[in-house]
Amino acid sequence: MDWNYIQEHWDWAGHILEALVMAAIVALLMRIVVKSQLALIVGFAFAAGHFHGREKRDYEIAVAMPPPHLDAYYLWRWSWDQATDFWPVAIICFAFILFLSMKVRGLK
């Protein structure tokens, strides 16, 4: 198996899988204090935030940005790799949050 090929072409899919697993783990922990649907929303929000923070940090390191790192919030300055690591995860997490929110409010 050519791991370089997988890293180059399927890295985004691995990040989505990682986000789904992370959201499930956080939801299981949150299930102790809130209902299942709300726990899942919290899990997906956590996963999206985690990936934003990770890619923001990667950008800061890549450009040797000195603190306070505020310019790293300009997502359009990120490299293509950083953007394709974050945006697919963010879109999937947002879609799940939107679906669950509509279900909780009885809109679906």
PDB file of N, CA and C in Angstrom:
ATOM      1  N   MET A   1       0.848  -1.184   0.000  1.00  0.00           N
ATOM      2  CA  MET A   1       0.000   0.000   0.000  1.00  0.00           C
ATOM      3  C   MET A   1       0.894   1.248   0.000  1.00  0.00           C
ATOM      4  N   ASP A   2       0.601   2.166  -0.891  1.00  0.00           N
ATOM      5  CA  ASP A   2       1.387   3.386  -1.004  1.00  0.00           C
ATOM      6  C   ASP A   2       0.812   4.457  -0.075  1.00  0.00           C
ATOM      7  N   TRP A   3       1.427   4.609   1.090  1.00  0.00           N
ATOM      8  CA  TRP A   3       0.926   5.549   2.093  1.00  0.00           C
ATOM      9  C   TRP A   3       1.064   6.994   1.641  1.00  0.00           C
ATOM     10  N   ASN A   4       2.062   7.282   0.821  1.00  0.00           N
ATOM     11  CA  ASN A   4       2.202   8.645   0.303  1.00  0.00           C
ATOM     12  C   ASN A   4       1.010   9.015  -0.578  1.00  0.00           C
ATOM     13  N   TYR A   5       0.542   8.061  -1.392  1.00  0.00           N
ATOM     14  CA  TYR A   5      -0.632   8.299  -2.229  1.00  0.00           C
ATOM     15  C   TYR A   5      -1.867   8.557  -1.363  1.00  0.00           C
ATOM     16  N   ILE A   6      -2.034   7.731  -0.353  1.00  0.00           N
ATOM     17  CA  ILE A   6      -3.181   7.902   0.550  1.00  0.00           C
ATOM     18  C   ILE A   6      -3.109   9.255   1.243  1.00  0.00           C
ATOM     19  N   GLN A   7      -1.942   9.622   1.742  1.00  0.00           N
ATOM     20  CA  GLN A   7      -1.766  10.905   2.418  1.00  0.00           C
ATOM     21  C   GLN A   7      -2.064  12.062   1.474  1.00  0.00           C
ATOM     22  N   GLU A   8      -1.618  11.939   0.235  1.00  0.00           N
ATOM     23  CA  GLU A   8      -1.784  13.026  -0.721  1.00  0.00           C
ATOM     24  C   GLU A   8      -3.222  13.172  -1.221  1.00  0.00           C
ATOM     25  N   HIS A   9      -3.923  12.050  -1.423  1.00  0.00           N
ATOM     26  CA  HIS A   9      -5.234  12.106  -2.060  1.00  0.00           C
ATOM     27  C   HIS A   9      -6.413  11.810  -1.138  1.00  0.00           C
ATOM     28  N   TRP A  10      -6.191  11.161  -0.022  1.00  0.00           N
ATOM     29  CA  TRP A  10      -7.305  10.761   0.847  1.00  0.00           C
ATOM     30  C   TRP A  10      -7.166  11.278   2.275  1.00  0.00           C
ATOM     31  N   ASP A  11      -6.281  12.213   2.502  1.00  0.00           N
ATOM     32  CA  ASP A  11      -6.062  12.774   3.838  1.00  0.00           C
ATOM     33  C   ASP A  11      -7.346  13.373   4.400  1.00  0.00           C
ATOM     34  N   TRP A  12      -8.118  14.055   3.571  1.00  0.00           N
ATOM     35  CA  TRP A  12      -9.367  14.698   3.994  1.00  0.00           C
ATOM     36  C   TRP A  12     -10.362  13.665   4.537  1.00  0.00           C
ATOM     37  N   ALA A  13     -10.405  12.483   3.918  1.00  0.00           N
ATOM     38  CA  ALA A  13     -11.344  11.450   4.369  1.00  0.00           C
ATOM     39  C   ALA A  13     -10.959  10.936   5.759  1.00  0.00           C
ATOM     40  N   GLY A  14      -9.664  10.815   5.996  1.00  0.00           N
ATOM     41  CA  GLY A  14      -9.194  10.410   7.317  1.00  0.00           C
ATOM     42  C   GLY A  14      -9.556  11.423   8.386  1.00  0.00           C
ATOM     43  N   HIS A  15      -9.495  12.697   8.027  1.00  0.00           N
ATOM     44  CA  HIS A  15      -9.865  13.745   8.982  1.00  0.00           C
ATOM     45  C   HIS A  15     -11.356  13.702   9.295  1.00  0.00           C
ATOM     46  N   ILE A  16     -12.176  13.417   8.287  1.00  0.00           N
ATOM     47  CA  ILE A  16     -13.620  13.301   8.527  1.00  0.00           C
ATOM     48  C   ILE A  16     -13.893  12.124   9.458  1.00  0.00           C
ATOM     49  N   LEU A  17     -13.252  10.991   9.197  1.00  0.00           N
ATOM     50  CA  LEU A  17     -13.425   9.823  10.066  1.00  0.00           C
ATOM     51  C   LEU A  17     -12.970  10.142  11.486  1.00  0.00           C
ATOM     52  N   GLU A  18     -11.833  10.807  11.605  1.00  0.00           N
ATOM     53  CA  GLU A  18     -11.327  11.194  12.921  1.00  0.00           C
ATOM     54  C   GLU A  18     -12.320  12.104  13.639  1.00  0.00           C
ATOM     55  N   ALA A  19     -12.917  13.051  12.920  1.00  0.00           N
ATOM     56  CA  ALA A  19     -13.897  13.967  13.516  1.00  0.00           C
ATOM     57  C   ALA A  19     -15.142  13.220  13.980  1.00  0.00           C
ATOM     58  N   LEU A  20     -15.606  12.262  13.186  1.00  0.00           N
ATOM     59  CA  LEU A  20     -16.787  11.491  13.577  1.00  0.00           C
ATOM     60  C   LEU A  20     -16.529  10.678  14.848  1.00  0.00           C
ATOM     61  N   VAL A  21     -15.356  10.061  14.927  1.00  0.00           N
ATOM     62  CA  VAL A  21     -15.006   9.289  16.120  1.00  0.00           C
ATOM     63  C   VAL A  21     -14.875  10.223  17.328  1.00  0.00           C
ATOM     64  N   MET A  22     -14.221  11.367  17.123  1.00  0.00           N
ATOM     65  CA  MET A  22     -14.053  12.336  18.204  1.00  0.00           C
ATOM     66  C   MET A  22     -15.413  12.839  18.686  1.00  0.00           C
ATOM     67  N   ALA A  23     -16.305  13.148  17.749  1.00  0.00           N
ATOM     68  CA  ALA A  23     -17.642  13.619  18.119  1.00  0.00           C
ATOM     69  C   ALA A  23     -18.394  12.558  18.914  1.00  0.00           C
ATOM     70  N   ALA A  24     -18.253  11.297  18.518  1.00  0.00           N
ATOM     71  CA  ALA A  24     -18.931  10.207  19.234  1.00  0.00           C
ATOM     72  C   ALA A  24     -18.402  10.064  20.661  1.00  0.00           C
ATOM     73  N   ILE A  25     -17.097  10.169  20.820  1.00  0.00           N
ATOM     74  CA  ILE A  25     -16.506  10.042  22.157  1.00  0.00           C
ATOM     75  C   ILE A  25     -16.963  11.194  23.058  1.00  0.00           C
ATOM     76  N   VAL A  26     -16.913  12.423  22.536  1.00  0.00           N
ATOM     77  CA  VAL A  26     -17.352  13.576  23.322  1.00  0.00           C
ATOM     78  C   VAL A  26     -18.840  13.454  23.637  1.00  0.00           C
ATOM     79  N   ALA A  27     -19.632  12.980  22.672  1.00  0.00           N
ATOM     80  CA  ALA A  27     -21.077  12.805  22.899  1.00  0.00           C
ATOM     81  C   ALA A  27     -21.333  11.776  23.990  1.00  0.00           C
ATOM     82  N   LEU A  28     -20.573  10.698  23.988  1.00  0.00           N
ATOM     83  CA  LEU A  28     -20.739   9.695  25.049  1.00  0.00           C
ATOM     84  C   LEU A  28     -20.439  10.284  26.423  1.00  0.00           C
ATOM     85  N   LEU A  29     -19.403  11.090  26.485  1.00  0.00           N
ATOM     86  CA  LEU A  29     -19.066  11.727  27.764  1.00  0.00           C
ATOM     87  C   LEU A  29     -20.133  12.753  28.164  1.00  0.00           C
ATOM     88  N   MET A  30     -20.624  13.520  27.189  1.00  0.00           N
ATOM     89  CA  MET A  30     -21.643  14.531  27.482  1.00  0.00           C
ATOM     90  C   MET A  30     -22.994  13.907  27.792  1.00  0.00           C
ATOM     91  N   ARG A  31     -23.215  12.692  27.345  1.00  0.00           N
ATOM     92  CA  ARG A  31     -24.483  11.992  27.571  1.00  0.00           C
ATOM     93  C   ARG A  31     -24.768  11.824  29.063  1.00  0.00           C
ATOM     94  N   ILE A  32     -23.731  11.903  29.862  1.00  0.00           N
ATOM     95  CA  ILE A  32     -23.881  11.794  31.313  1.00  0.00           C
ATOM     96  C   ILE A  32     -24.721  12.958  31.855  1.00  0.00           C
ATOM     97  N   VAL A  33     -24.609  14.142  31.213  1.00  0.00           N
ATOM     98  CA  VAL A  33     -25.269  15.327  31.761  1.00  0.00           C
ATOM     99  C   VAL A  33     -26.377  15.906  30.884  1.00  0.00           C
ATOM    100  N   VAL A  34     -26.428  15.536  29.605  1.00  0.00           N
ATOM    101  CA  VAL A  34     -27.480  16.073  28.728  1.00  0.00           C
ATOM    102  C   VAL A  34     -28.079  14.949  27.879  1.00  0.00           C
ATOM    103  N   LYS A  35     -29.191  15.259  27.197  1.00  0.00           N
ATOM    104  CA  LYS A  35     -29.846  14.278  26.343  1.00  0.00           C
ATOM    105  C   LYS A  35     -28.981  13.935  25.132  1.00  0.00           C
ATOM    106  N   SER A  36     -29.273  12.805  24.513  1.00  0.00           N
ATOM    107  CA  SER A  36     -28.445  12.271  23.424  1.00  0.00           C
ATOM    108  C   SER A  36     -28.267  13.235  22.260  1.00  0.00           C
ATOM    109  N   GLN A  37     -29.343  13.832  21.784  1.00  0.00           N
ATOM    110  CA  GLN A  37     -29.219  14.718  20.630  1.00  0.00           C
ATOM    111  C   GLN A  37     -28.364  15.938  20.938  1.00  0.00           C
ATOM    112  N   LEU A  38     -28.565  16.521  22.100  1.00  0.00           N
ATOM    113  CA  LEU A  38     -27.742  17.658  22.492  1.00  0.00           C
ATOM    114  C   LEU A  38     -26.288  17.223  22.689  1.00  0.00           C
ATOM    115  N   ALA A  39     -26.076  16.049  23.242  1.00  0.00           N
ATOM    116  CA  ALA A  39     -24.716  15.535  23.414  1.00  0.00           C
ATOM    117  C   ALA A  39     -24.025  15.377  22.060  1.00  0.00           C
ATOM    118  N   LEU A  40     -24.746  14.918  21.050  1.00  0.00           N
ATOM    119  CA  LEU A  40     -24.166  14.791  19.706  1.00  0.00           C
ATOM    120  C   LEU A  40     -23.830  16.156  19.110  1.00  0.00           C
ATOM    121  N   ILE A  41     -24.697  17.132  19.327  1.00  0.00           N
ATOM    122  CA  ILE A  41     -24.417  18.486  18.841  1.00  0.00           C
ATOM    123  C   ILE A  41     -23.136  19.014  19.476  1.00  0.00           C
ATOM    124  N   VAL A  42     -23.000  18.823  20.772  1.00  0.00           N
ATOM    125  CA  VAL A  42     -21.781  19.247  21.471  1.00  0.00           C
ATOM    126  C   VAL A  42     -20.569  18.512  20.902  1.00  0.00           C
ATOM    127  N   GLY A  43     -20.709  17.216  20.644  1.00  0.00           N
ATOM    128  CA  GLY A  43     -19.604  16.434  20.085  1.00  0.00           C
ATOM    129  C   GLY A  43     -19.164  16.946  18.732  1.00  0.00           C
ATOM    130  N   PHE A  44     -20.108  17.241  17.845  1.00  0.00           N
ATOM    131  CA  PHE A  44     -19.751  17.746  16.514  1.00  0.00           C
ATOM    132  C   PHE A  44     -19.155  19.145  16.588  1.00  0.00           C
ATOM    133  N   ALA A  45     -19.667  19.976  17.485  1.00  0.00           N
ATOM    134  CA  ALA A  45     -19.092  21.315  17.663  1.00  0.00           C
ATOM    135  C   ALA A  45     -17.655  21.206  18.173  1.00  0.00           C
ATOM    136  N   PHE A  46     -17.428  20.291  19.097  1.00  0.00           N
ATOM    137  CA  PHE A  46     -16.081  20.080  19.615  1.00  0.00           C
ATOM    138  C   PHE A  46     -15.142  19.618  18.505  1.00  0.00           C
ATOM    139  N   ALA A  47     -15.589  18.672  17.687  1.00  0.00           N
ATOM    140  CA  ALA A  47     -14.744  18.143  16.609  1.00  0.00           C
ATOM    141  C   ALA A  47     -14.389  19.239  15.604  1.00  0.00           C
ATOM    142  N   ALA A  48     -15.361  20.055  15.214  1.00  0.00           N
ATOM    143  CA  ALA A  48     -15.087  21.142  14.273  1.00  0.00           C
ATOM    144  C   ALA A  48     -14.105  22.142  14.875  1.00  0.00           C
ATOM    145  N   GLY A  49     -14.308  22.483  16.131  1.00  0.00           N
ATOM    146  CA  GLY A  49     -13.392  23.407  16.809  1.00  0.00           C
ATOM    147  C   GLY A  49     -11.998  22.845  16.938  1.00  0.00           C
ATOM    148  N   HIS A  50     -11.903  21.561  17.199  1.00  0.00           N
ATOM    149  CA  HIS A  50     -10.600  20.907  17.310  1.00  0.00           C
ATOM    150  C   HIS A  50      -9.827  21.034  15.998  1.00  0.00           C
ATOM    151  N   PHE A  51     -10.490  20.737  14.884  1.00  0.00           N
ATOM    152  CA  PHE A  51      -9.804  20.803  13.600  1.00  0.00           C
ATOM    153  C   PHE A  51      -9.454  22.227  13.210  1.00  0.00           C
ATOM    154  N   HIS A  52     -10.309  23.185  13.555  1.00  0.00           N
ATOM    155  CA  HIS A  52      -9.964  24.579  13.279  1.00  0.00           C
ATOM    156  C   HIS A  52      -8.700  24.960  14.045  1.00  0.00           C
ATOM    157  N   GLY A  53      -8.654  24.608  15.321  1.00  0.00           N
ATOM    158  CA  GLY A  53      -7.483  24.930  16.137  1.00  0.00           C
ATOM    159  C   GLY A  53      -6.224  24.249  15.637  1.00  0.00           C
ATOM    160  N   ARG A  54      -6.357  23.006  15.211  1.00  0.00           N
ATOM    161  CA  ARG A  54      -5.190  22.260  14.733  1.00  0.00           C
ATOM    162  C   ARG A  54      -4.648  22.853  13.436  1.00  0.00           C
ATOM    163  N   GLU A  55      -5.523  23.172  12.499  1.00  0.00           N
ATOM    164  CA  GLU A  55      -5.058  23.739  11.234  1.00  0.00           C
ATOM    165  C   GLU A  55      -4.559  25.169  11.419  1.00  0.00           C
ATOM    166  N   LYS A  56      -5.170  25.923  12.328  1.00  0.00           N
ATOM    167  CA  LYS A  56      -4.678  27.271  12.641  1.00  0.00           C
ATOM    168  C   LYS A  56      -3.266  27.179  13.200  1.00  0.00           C
ATOM    169  N   ARG A  57      -3.040  26.242  14.112  1.00  0.00           N
ATOM    170  CA  ARG A  57      -1.703  26.049  14.668  1.00  0.00           C
ATOM    171  C   ARG A  57      -0.705  25.632  13.595  1.00  0.00           C
ATOM    172  N   ASP A  58      -1.116  24.741  12.694  1.00  0.00           N
ATOM    173  CA  ASP A  58      -0.230  24.317  11.608  1.00  0.00           C
ATOM    174  C   ASP A  58       0.158  25.496  10.723  1.00  0.00           C
ATOM    175  N   TYR A  59      -0.807  26.377  10.457  1.00  0.00           N
ATOM    176  CA  TYR A  59      -0.508  27.570   9.656  1.00  0.00           C
ATOM    177  C   TYR A  59       0.471  28.471  10.394  1.00  0.00           C
ATOM    178  N   GLU A  60       0.251  28.689  11.688  1.00  0.00           N
ATOM    179  CA  GLU A  60       1.145  29.537  12.477  1.00  0.00           C
ATOM    180  C   GLU A  60       2.570  29.003  12.444  1.00  0.00           C
ATOM    181  N   ILE A  61       2.717  27.700  12.549  1.00  0.00           N
ATOM    182  CA  ILE A  61       4.039  27.084  12.517  1.00  0.00           C
ATOM    183  C   ILE A  61       4.648  27.195  11.127  1.00  0.00           C
ATOM    184  N   ALA A  62       3.836  26.955  10.089  1.00  0.00           N
ATOM    185  CA  ALA A  62       4.336  26.969   8.712  1.00  0.00           C
ATOM    186  C   ALA A  62       4.886  28.335   8.313  1.00  0.00           C
ATOM    187  N   VAL A  63       4.279  29.404   8.804  1.00  0.00           N
ATOM    188  CA  VAL A  63       4.744  30.745   8.435  1.00  0.00           C
ATOM    189  C   VAL A  63       5.555  31.401   9.547  1.00  0.00           C
ATOM    190  N   ALA A  64       5.882  30.648  10.591  1.00  0.00           N
ATOM    191  CA  ALA A  64       6.665  31.152  11.728  1.00  0.00           C
ATOM    192  C   ALA A  64       6.055  32.446  12.274  1.00  0.00           C
ATOM    193  N   MET A  65       4.775  32.409  12.531  1.00  0.00           N
ATOM    194  CA  MET A  65       4.040  33.585  12.996  1.00  0.00           C
ATOM    195  C   MET A  65       4.326  33.838  14.477  1.00  0.00           C
ATOM    196  N   PRO A  66       4.750  35.050  14.808  1.00  0.00           N
ATOM    197  CA  PRO A  66       4.971  35.364  16.222  1.00  0.00           C
ATOM    198  C   PRO A  66       3.636  35.588  16.946  1.00  0.00           C
ATOM    199  N   PRO A  67       3.616  35.375  18.265  1.00  0.00           N
ATOM    200  CA  PRO A  67       2.394  35.618  19.022  1.00  0.00           C
ATOM    201  C   PRO A  67       1.955  37.069  18.862  1.00  0.00           C
ATOM    202  N   PRO A  68       0.700  37.366  18.961  1.00  0.00           N
ATOM    203  CA  PRO A  68      -0.419  36.599  19.479  1.00  0.00           C
ATOM    204  C   PRO A  68      -1.163  35.760  18.444  1.00  0.00           C
ATOM    205  N   HIS A  69      -0.671  35.584  17.250  1.00  0.00           N
ATOM    206  CA  HIS A  69      -1.241  34.673  16.245  1.00  0.00           C
ATOM    207  C   HIS A  69      -2.628  35.067  15.760  1.00  0.00           C
ATOM    208  N   LEU A  70      -2.999  36.309  15.873  1.00  0.00           N
ATOM    209  CA  LEU A  70      -4.343  36.724  15.469  1.00  0.00           C
ATOM    210  C   LEU A  70      -4.549  36.639  13.957  1.00  0.00           C
ATOM    211  N   ASP A  71      -3.496  36.873  13.183  1.00  0.00           N
ATOM    212  CA  ASP A  71      -3.626  36.812  11.721  1.00  0.00           C
ATOM    213  C   ASP A  71      -3.885  35.394  11.227  1.00  0.00           C
ATOM    214  N   ALA A  72      -3.672  34.402  12.037  1.00  0.00           N
ATOM    215  CA  ALA A  72      -3.919  33.016  11.625  1.00  0.00           C
ATOM    216  C   ALA A  72      -5.413  32.721  11.500  1.00  0.00           C
ATOM    217  N   TYR A  73      -6.259  33.602  12.014  1.00  0.00           N
ATOM    218  CA  TYR A  73      -7.703  33.407  11.840  1.00  0.00           C
ATOM    219  C   TYR A  73      -8.159  33.720  10.419  1.00  0.00           C
ATOM    220  N   TYR A  74      -7.283  34.315   9.614  1.00  0.00           N
ATOM    221  CA  TYR A  74      -7.615  34.572   8.210  1.00  0.00           C
ATOM    222  C   TYR A  74      -7.496  33.261   7.440  1.00  0.00           C
ATOM    223  N   LEU A  75      -8.581  32.524   7.402  1.00  0.00           N
ATOM    224  CA  LEU A  75      -8.586  31.190   6.807  1.00  0.00           C
ATOM    225  C   LEU A  75      -8.165  31.193   5.345  1.00  0.00           C
ATOM    226  N   TRP A  76      -8.395  32.285   4.636  1.00  0.00           N
ATOM    227  CA  TRP A  76      -8.052  32.343   3.217  1.00  0.00           C
ATOM    228  C   TRP A  76      -6.541  32.391   2.994  1.00  0.00           C
ATOM    229  N   ARG A  77      -5.759  32.586   4.036  1.00  0.00           N
ATOM    230  CA  ARG A  77      -4.302  32.578   3.910  1.00  0.00           C
ATOM    231  C   ARG A  77      -3.711  31.189   4.118  1.00  0.00           C
ATOM    232  N   TRP A  78      -4.521  30.265   4.576  1.00  0.00           N
ATOM    233  CA  TRP A  78      -4.022  28.912   4.822  1.00  0.00           C
ATOM    234  C   TRP A  78      -3.616  28.257   3.511  1.00  0.00           C
ATOM    235  N   SER A  79      -2.715  27.277   3.607  1.00  0.00           N
ATOM    236  CA  SER A  79      -2.320  26.521   2.421  1.00  0.00           C
ATOM    237  C   SER A  79      -3.487  25.650   1.966  1.00  0.00           C
ATOM    238  N   TRP A  80      -3.405  25.145   0.745  1.00  0.00           N
ATOM    239  CA  TRP A  80      -4.454  24.270   0.218  1.00  0.00           C
ATOM    240  C   TRP A  80      -4.609  23.043   1.112  1.00  0.00           C
ATOM    241  N   ASP A  81      -3.509  22.472   1.580  1.00  0.00           N
ATOM    242  CA  ASP A  81      -3.570  21.290   2.443  1.00  0.00           C
ATOM    243  C   ASP A  81      -4.274  21.602   3.752  1.00  0.00           C
ATOM    244  N   GLN A  82      -3.959  22.728   4.354  1.00  0.00           N
ATOM    245  CA  GLN A  82      -4.613  23.097   5.611  1.00  0.00           C
ATOM    246  C   GLN A  82      -6.098  23.347   5.398  1.00  0.00           C
ATOM    247  N   ALA A  83      -6.450  24.007   4.312  1.00  0.00           N
ATOM    248  CA  ALA A  83      -7.858  24.284   4.028  1.00  0.00           C
ATOM    249  C   ALA A  83      -8.628  22.995   3.760  1.00  0.00           C
ATOM    250  N   THR A  84      -8.029  22.068   3.010  1.00  0.00           N
ATOM    251  CA  THR A  84      -8.744  20.824   2.707  1.00  0.00           C
ATOM    252  C   THR A  84      -8.743  19.863   3.884  1.00  0.00           C
ATOM    253  N   ASP A  85      -7.943  20.121   4.886  1.00  0.00           N
ATOM    254  CA  ASP A  85      -8.044  19.352   6.124  1.00  0.00           C
ATOM    255  C   ASP A  85      -9.186  19.879   6.985  1.00  0.00           C
ATOM    256  N   PHE A  86      -9.402  21.188   6.972  1.00  0.00           N
ATOM    257  CA  PHE A  86     -10.410  21.792   7.840  1.00  0.00           C
ATOM    258  C   PHE A  86     -11.801  21.843   7.229  1.00  0.00           C
ATOM    259  N   TRP A  87     -11.963  22.357   6.015  1.00  0.00           N
ATOM    260  CA  TRP A  87     -13.289  22.627   5.478  1.00  0.00           C
ATOM    261  C   TRP A  87     -14.171  21.407   5.292  1.00  0.00           C
ATOM    262  N   PRO A  88     -13.678  20.282   4.795  1.00  0.00           N
ATOM    263  CA  PRO A  88     -14.576  19.114   4.711  1.00  0.00           C
ATOM    264  C   PRO A  88     -15.096  18.681   6.087  1.00  0.00           C
ATOM    265  N   VAL A  89     -14.226  18.719   7.082  1.00  0.00           N
ATOM    266  CA  VAL A  89     -14.640  18.365   8.446  1.00  0.00           C
ATOM    267  C   VAL A  89     -15.671  19.365   8.945  1.00  0.00           C
ATOM    268  N   ALA A  90     -15.416  20.651   8.735  1.00  0.00           N
ATOM    269  CA  ALA A  90     -16.346  21.681   9.201  1.00  0.00           C
ATOM    270  C   ALA A  90     -17.712  21.533   8.533  1.00  0.00           C
ATOM    271  N   ILE A  91     -17.722  21.249   7.244  1.00  0.00           N
ATOM    272  CA  ILE A  91     -18.996  21.110   6.518  1.00  0.00           C
ATOM    273  C   ILE A  91     -19.773  19.894   7.020  1.00  0.00           C
ATOM    274  N   ILE A  92     -19.089  18.772   7.204  1.00  0.00           N
ATOM    275  CA  ILE A  92     -19.754  17.558   7.700  1.00  0.00           C
ATOM    276  C   ILE A  92     -20.293  17.791   9.117  1.00  0.00           C
ATOM    277  N   CYS A  93     -19.470  18.366   9.993  1.00  0.00           N
ATOM    278  CA  CYS A  93     -19.918  18.632  11.372  1.00  0.00           C
ATOM    279  C   CYS A  93     -21.096  19.597  11.382  1.00  0.00           C
ATOM    280  N   PHE A  94     -21.036  20.648  10.565  1.00  0.00           N
ATOM    281  CA  PHE A  94     -22.140  21.606  10.504  1.00  0.00           C
ATOM    282  C   PHE A  94     -23.411  20.935   9.998  1.00  0.00           C
ATOM    283  N   ALA A  95     -23.284  20.071   9.001  1.00  0.00           N
ATOM    284  CA  ALA A  95     -24.470  19.373   8.468  1.00  0.00           C
ATOM    285  C   ALA A  95     -25.121  18.517   9.543  1.00  0.00           C
ATOM    286  N   PHE A  96     -24.308  17.795  10.317  1.00  0.00           N
ATOM    287  CA  PHE A  96     -24.858  16.980  11.405  1.00  0.00           C
ATOM    288  C   PHE A  96     -25.496  17.859  12.483  1.00  0.00           C
ATOM    289  N   ILE A  97     -24.844  18.969  12.824  1.00  0.00           N
ATOM    290  CA  ILE A  97     -25.398  19.882  13.825  1.00  0.00           C
ATOM    291  C   ILE A  97     -26.730  20.447  13.339  1.00  0.00           C
ATOM    292  N   LEU A  98     -26.789  20.851  12.079  1.00  0.00           N
ATOM    293  CA  LEU A  98     -28.022  21.383  11.514  1.00  0.00           C
ATOM    294  C   LEU A  98     -29.132  20.337  11.528  1.00  0.00           C
ATOM    295  N   PHE A  99     -28.822  19.108  11.108  1.00  0.00           N
ATOM    296  CA  PHE A  99     -29.793  18.024  11.113  1.00  0.00           C
ATOM    297  C   PHE A  99     -30.309  17.749  12.522  1.00  0.00           C
ATOM    298  N   LEU A 100     -29.401  17.628  13.469  1.00  0.00           N
ATOM    299  CA  LEU A 100     -29.795  17.346  14.848  1.00  0.00           C
ATOM    300  C   LEU A 100     -30.585  18.502  15.453  1.00  0.00           C
ATOM    301  N   SER A 101     -30.210  19.731  15.113  1.00  0.00           N
ATOM    302  CA  SER A 101     -30.933  20.890  15.634  1.00  0.00           C
ATOM    303  C   SER A 101     -32.363  20.915  15.131  1.00  0.00           C
ATOM    304  N   MET A 102     -32.547  20.603  13.852  1.00  0.00           N
ATOM    305  CA  MET A 102     -33.904  20.566  13.303  1.00  0.00           C
ATOM    306  C   MET A 102     -34.709  19.442  13.937  1.00  0.00           C
ATOM    307  N   LYS A 103     -34.058  18.324  14.205  1.00  0.00           N
ATOM    308  CA  LYS A 103     -34.742  17.201  14.829  1.00  0.00           C
ATOM    309  C   LYS A 103     -35.148  17.534  16.261  1.00  0.00           C
ATOM    310  N   VAL A 104     -34.251  18.201  16.992  1.00  0.00           N
ATOM    311  CA  VAL A 104     -34.549  18.579  18.380  1.00  0.00           C
ATOM    312  C   VAL A 104     -35.710  19.555  18.425  1.00  0.00           C
ATOM    313  N   ARG A 105     -35.744  20.494  17.471  1.00  0.00           N
ATOM    314  CA  ARG A 105     -36.802  21.510  17.458  1.00  0.00           C
ATOM    315  C   ARG A 105     -38.073  21.011  16.781  1.00  0.00           C
ATOM    316  N   GLY A 106     -38.056  19.792  16.285  1.00  0.00           N
ATOM    317  CA  GLY A 106     -39.242  19.234  15.655  1.00  0.00           C
ATOM    318  C   GLY A 106     -39.487  19.730  14.253  1.00  0.00           C
ATOM    319  N   LEU A 107     -38.455  20.223  13.577  1.00  0.00           N
ATOM    320  CA  LEU A 107     -38.613  20.739  12.234  1.00  0.00           C
ATOM    321  C   LEU A 107     -38.475  19.673  11.161  1.00  0.00           C
ATOM    322  N   LYS A 108     -38.079  18.501  11.534  1.00  0.00           N
ATOM    323  CA  LYS A 108     -37.896  17.427  10.556  1.00  0.00           C
ATOM    324  C   LYS A 108     -38.879  16.330  10.805  1.00  0.00           C
TER     325      LYS A 108
END
